[in-house]
Protein backbone atom coordinates (compact mmCIF):
# COMPACT_ATOMS: atom_id res chain seq x y z
CA MET A 1 -0.40 0.07 0.00
CA SER A 2 3.06 2.25 -0.09
CA ASP A 3 1.14 3.90 -3.18
CA PHE A 4 -1.53 5.44 -1.07
CA VAL A 5 -2.28 9.11 -1.50
CA SER A 6 -3.92 10.77 1.42
CA LYS A 7 -7.03 13.35 0.77
CA LYS A 8 -7.92 16.30 2.63
CA VAL A 9 -11.10 16.22 4.09
CA LYS A 10 -13.95 17.86 1.87
CA LYS A 11 -16.01 20.83 2.61
CA ASN A 12 -18.67 19.95 5.15
CA ILE A 13 -22.34 19.15 4.37
CA SER A 14 -25.62 18.98 6.22
CA PHE A 15 -27.31 15.95 7.80
CA LYS A 16 -29.85 16.65 5.32
CA ASP A 17 -27.23 16.06 2.41
CA VAL A 18 -26.18 12.62 3.75
CA ALA A 19 -29.97 11.97 4.01
CA LYS A 20 -30.57 12.19 0.33
CA LEU A 21 -28.21 9.46 -0.55
CA ASP A 22 -30.43 6.17 -0.85
CA ILE A 23 -27.30 3.69 -0.34
CA ARG A 24 -28.11 -0.19 0.21
CA VAL A 25 -26.64 -3.38 0.15
CA GLY A 26 -26.83 -5.43 -3.16
CA GLU A 27 -25.82 -9.10 -3.80
CA ILE A 28 -23.87 -8.99 -6.86
CA LEU A 29 -25.20 -11.85 -9.04
CA LYS A 30 -23.40 -11.45 -12.31
CA VAL A 31 -20.42 -9.60 -13.66
CA GLU A 32 -20.37 -9.22 -17.27
CA ASP A 33 -17.75 -7.70 -20.10
CA VAL A 34 -18.84 -4.44 -21.78
CA GLU A 35 -17.26 -5.30 -24.81
CA LYS A 36 -16.48 -2.09 -26.47
CA SER A 37 -15.25 -0.44 -23.43
CA LYS A 38 -11.91 -0.47 -21.47
CA ASP A 39 -13.34 -0.15 -17.95
CA LEU A 40 -16.34 -1.14 -17.33
CA MET A 41 -18.20 -3.93 -16.32
CA LYS A 42 -22.11 -4.76 -15.84
CA LEU A 43 -22.91 -5.85 -12.90
CA THR A 44 -26.61 -7.23 -12.34
CA VAL A 45 -27.41 -6.72 -8.43
CA ASP A 46 -30.38 -8.17 -6.02
CA PHE A 47 -31.66 -5.40 -4.16
CA GLY A 48 -34.43 -7.60 -2.85
CA ASP A 49 -37.53 -6.30 -3.85
CA PHE A 50 -35.56 -5.14 -7.08
CA GLU A 51 -32.69 -5.90 -9.60
CA ARG A 52 -30.84 -3.22 -11.21
CA ILE A 53 -28.08 -3.41 -13.86
CA ILE A 54 -24.98 -0.93 -12.65
CA LEU A 55 -21.98 -0.31 -14.44
CA ALA A 56 -18.80 0.12 -12.63
CA SER A 57 -15.35 1.00 -14.05
CA ILE A 58 -13.51 -2.30 -12.41
CA LYS A 59 -12.47 -3.90 -15.24
CA ASN A 60 -8.76 -2.94 -14.74
CA GLU A 61 -8.89 -2.85 -11.03
CA ARG A 62 -8.58 -6.46 -10.49
CA GLU A 63 -7.13 -9.60 -12.32
CA ASN A 64 -10.64 -11.29 -12.25
CA PRO A 65 -13.79 -9.06 -12.19
CA LYS A 66 -15.85 -11.82 -11.86
CA GLU A 67 -14.42 -12.87 -8.52
CA ILE A 68 -16.71 -10.10 -6.75
CA GLU A 69 -19.86 -11.97 -8.02
CA ASN A 70 -22.19 -13.72 -5.18
CA LYS A 71 -21.02 -10.94 -2.74
CA GLN A 72 -22.75 -8.62 -1.03
CA ALA A 73 -21.39 -4.51 -1.64
CA LEU A 74 -22.91 -0.99 -0.71
CA PHE A 75 -24.67 0.99 -3.79
CA VAL A 76 -26.09 4.40 -4.24
CA VAL A 77 -29.25 3.21 -5.67
CA ASN A 78 -31.19 7.04 -6.48
CA MET A 79 -28.98 8.39 -9.01
CA GLU A 80 -30.13 9.24 -12.04
CA SER A 81 -29.76 6.55 -14.54
CA LYS A 82 -27.01 7.04 -17.07
CA GLU A 83 -26.58 5.28 -20.73
CA MET A 84 -23.13 4.13 -21.77
CA PHE A 85 -22.39 1.96 -24.70
CA GLY A 86 -25.99 1.15 -25.17
CA ILE A 87 -26.54 -0.13 -21.72
CA LYS A 88 -28.88 1.92 -18.99
CA SER A 89 -26.82 2.12 -15.44
CA GLU A 90 -29.04 2.43 -12.43
CA GLY A 91 -26.77 3.20 -9.57
CA MET A 92 -23.27 3.20 -8.44
CA LEU A 93 -20.98 0.67 -6.87
CA PHE A 94 -19.63 2.18 -3.67
CA ASP A 95 -16.13 1.08 -3.24
CA LEU A 96 -13.08 2.49 -1.42
CA GLY A 97 -9.67 3.30 -2.36
CA TYR A 98 -9.82 4.85 -5.84
CA GLU A 99 -9.62 8.50 -4.64
CA ASN A 100 -6.29 7.23 -2.93
CA LYS A 101 -4.78 5.57 -6.22
CA ILE A 102 -4.88 2.34 -4.27
CA THR A 103 -6.75 -0.76 -5.95
CA PRO A 104 -10.54 -0.30 -4.72
CA VAL A 105 -11.97 -2.97 -2.68
CA LEU A 106 -15.84 -3.49 -2.10
CA ALA A 107 -17.40 -1.91 0.69
CA MET A 108 -19.03 -5.03 2.36
CA PRO A 109 -21.43 -5.27 5.21
CA GLU A 110 -19.56 -7.56 8.21
CA LYS A 111 -21.99 -10.16 8.04
CA LYS A 112 -24.76 -11.40 5.42
CA VAL A 113 -27.71 -8.90 5.82
CA PRO A 114 -30.79 -9.22 3.73
CA ASN A 115 -30.52 -7.47 0.25
CA GLY A 116 -32.15 -3.93 0.13
CA THR A 117 -30.73 -2.87 3.96
CA CYS A 118 -30.33 0.59 3.96
CA ALA A 119 -27.02 2.25 4.95
CA GLY A 120 -27.43 4.84 7.62
């Protein structure tokens, strides 16, 4: 971890701002390549009472991106959808490390919880 880059704490925000984020636990059911993209993988994620397709820039972050299949992780589920490479992404993987220039890791619950469990 010698490549770690420390970051300054960002400007304070209100509790109301934090409460706007809908962060939930989802189980990554499937990880698929997005052929024409050099970074993106297509994740099919189970949130209990709904599933979403979420594109994540993880293709080059790990030797085998499929190793995160069947793992739970945190996702932001109330972002505007965005279409990339003809695929609509409906959320964002909430991982750790990218901003610090280290290989990102999943933000995960310490033990299995029901899919769709809310953070906060």
